[in-house]
Amino acid sequence: MAYSSRHWWTEFLLFVCVSAVCTVVPAWLWMASQQGREVTANGWGFIVPGLVVGLWAARRYRRRHLS
């Protein structure tokens, strides 16, 4: 069974949206919890986990629609 381009684009958009939400929301919550204190954090600590969760969600979508 061929994987249609519609499913490919849906999988890609799912990856992008989930990655964005899972990166921005924790970063925003962390910034809000600092209450104006001047502290810094490495952005990779938010970006990498967000991308991993996005890849996981896209993989689950693909496996569910290929079976």
Protein backbone atom coordinates (compact mmCIF):
# COMPACT_ATOMS: atom_id res chain seq x y z
CA MET A 1 0.00 0.00 0.00
CA ALA A 2 1.45 3.34 -1.08
CA TYR A 3 1.66 6.18 1.42
CA SER A 4 -0.39 9.03 -0.06
CA SER A 5 0.92 12.58 -0.26
CA ARG A 6 -2.06 13.76 1.81
CA HIS A 7 -0.91 11.57 4.70
CA TRP A 8 2.68 12.77 4.21
CA TRP A 9 1.65 16.43 4.50
CA THR A 10 -0.57 15.68 7.48
CA GLU A 11 2.32 13.88 9.17
CA PHE A 12 4.64 16.82 8.45
CA LEU A 13 2.17 19.39 9.80
CA LEU A 14 1.60 17.24 12.87
CA PHE A 15 5.36 17.17 13.47
CA VAL A 16 5.69 20.94 13.06
CA CYS A 17 2.71 21.81 15.27
CA VAL A 18 3.51 19.37 18.06
CA SER A 19 7.18 20.39 18.04
CA ALA A 20 6.27 24.08 18.21
CA VAL A 21 3.84 23.62 21.08
CA CYS A 22 6.18 21.31 23.00
CA THR A 23 9.01 23.84 22.63
CA VAL A 24 7.22 27.13 23.21
CA VAL A 25 4.92 26.18 26.10
CA PRO A 26 7.65 24.86 28.47
CA ALA A 27 9.92 27.79 27.58
CA TRP A 28 7.12 30.26 28.24
CA LEU A 29 6.22 28.58 31.53
CA TRP A 30 9.88 28.63 32.59
CA MET A 31 10.16 32.35 31.76
CA ALA A 32 6.93 33.10 33.62
CA SER A 33 8.15 31.23 36.70
CA GLN A 34 11.29 33.37 36.95
CA GLN A 35 9.27 36.47 37.93
CA GLY A 36 11.66 39.02 36.47
CA ARG A 37 14.87 37.55 37.85
CA GLU A 38 17.81 37.73 35.48
CA VAL A 39 18.58 34.07 34.85
CA THR A 40 19.52 32.37 31.61
CA ALA A 41 18.83 28.98 30.12
CA ASN A 42 20.16 27.15 27.11
CA GLY A 43 17.57 27.09 24.31
CA TRP A 44 18.57 23.57 23.31
CA GLY A 45 17.05 22.35 26.56
CA PHE A 46 13.66 23.34 25.17
CA ILE A 47 14.19 22.75 21.43
CA VAL A 48 15.55 19.20 21.47
CA PRO A 49 12.82 17.69 23.68
CA GLY A 50 10.18 19.50 21.59
CA LEU A 51 11.58 18.02 18.39
CA VAL A 52 11.76 14.55 19.92
CA VAL A 53 8.11 14.70 20.98
CA GLY A 54 7.17 15.98 17.50
CA LEU A 55 9.00 13.09 15.83
CA TRP A 56 7.34 10.63 18.19
CA ALA A 57 3.87 12.01 17.37
CA ALA A 58 4.54 11.89 13.61
CA ARG A 59 5.82 8.32 13.93
CA ARG A 60 2.67 7.26 15.79
CA TYR A 61 0.52 8.90 13.10
CA ARG A 62 2.40 7.07 10.33
CA ARG A 63 2.24 3.69 12.06
CA ARG A 64 -1.49 4.06 12.72
CA HIS A 65 -2.24 4.96 9.09
CA LEU A 66 -0.01 2.34 7.48
CA SER A 67 -1.53 -0.60 9.34
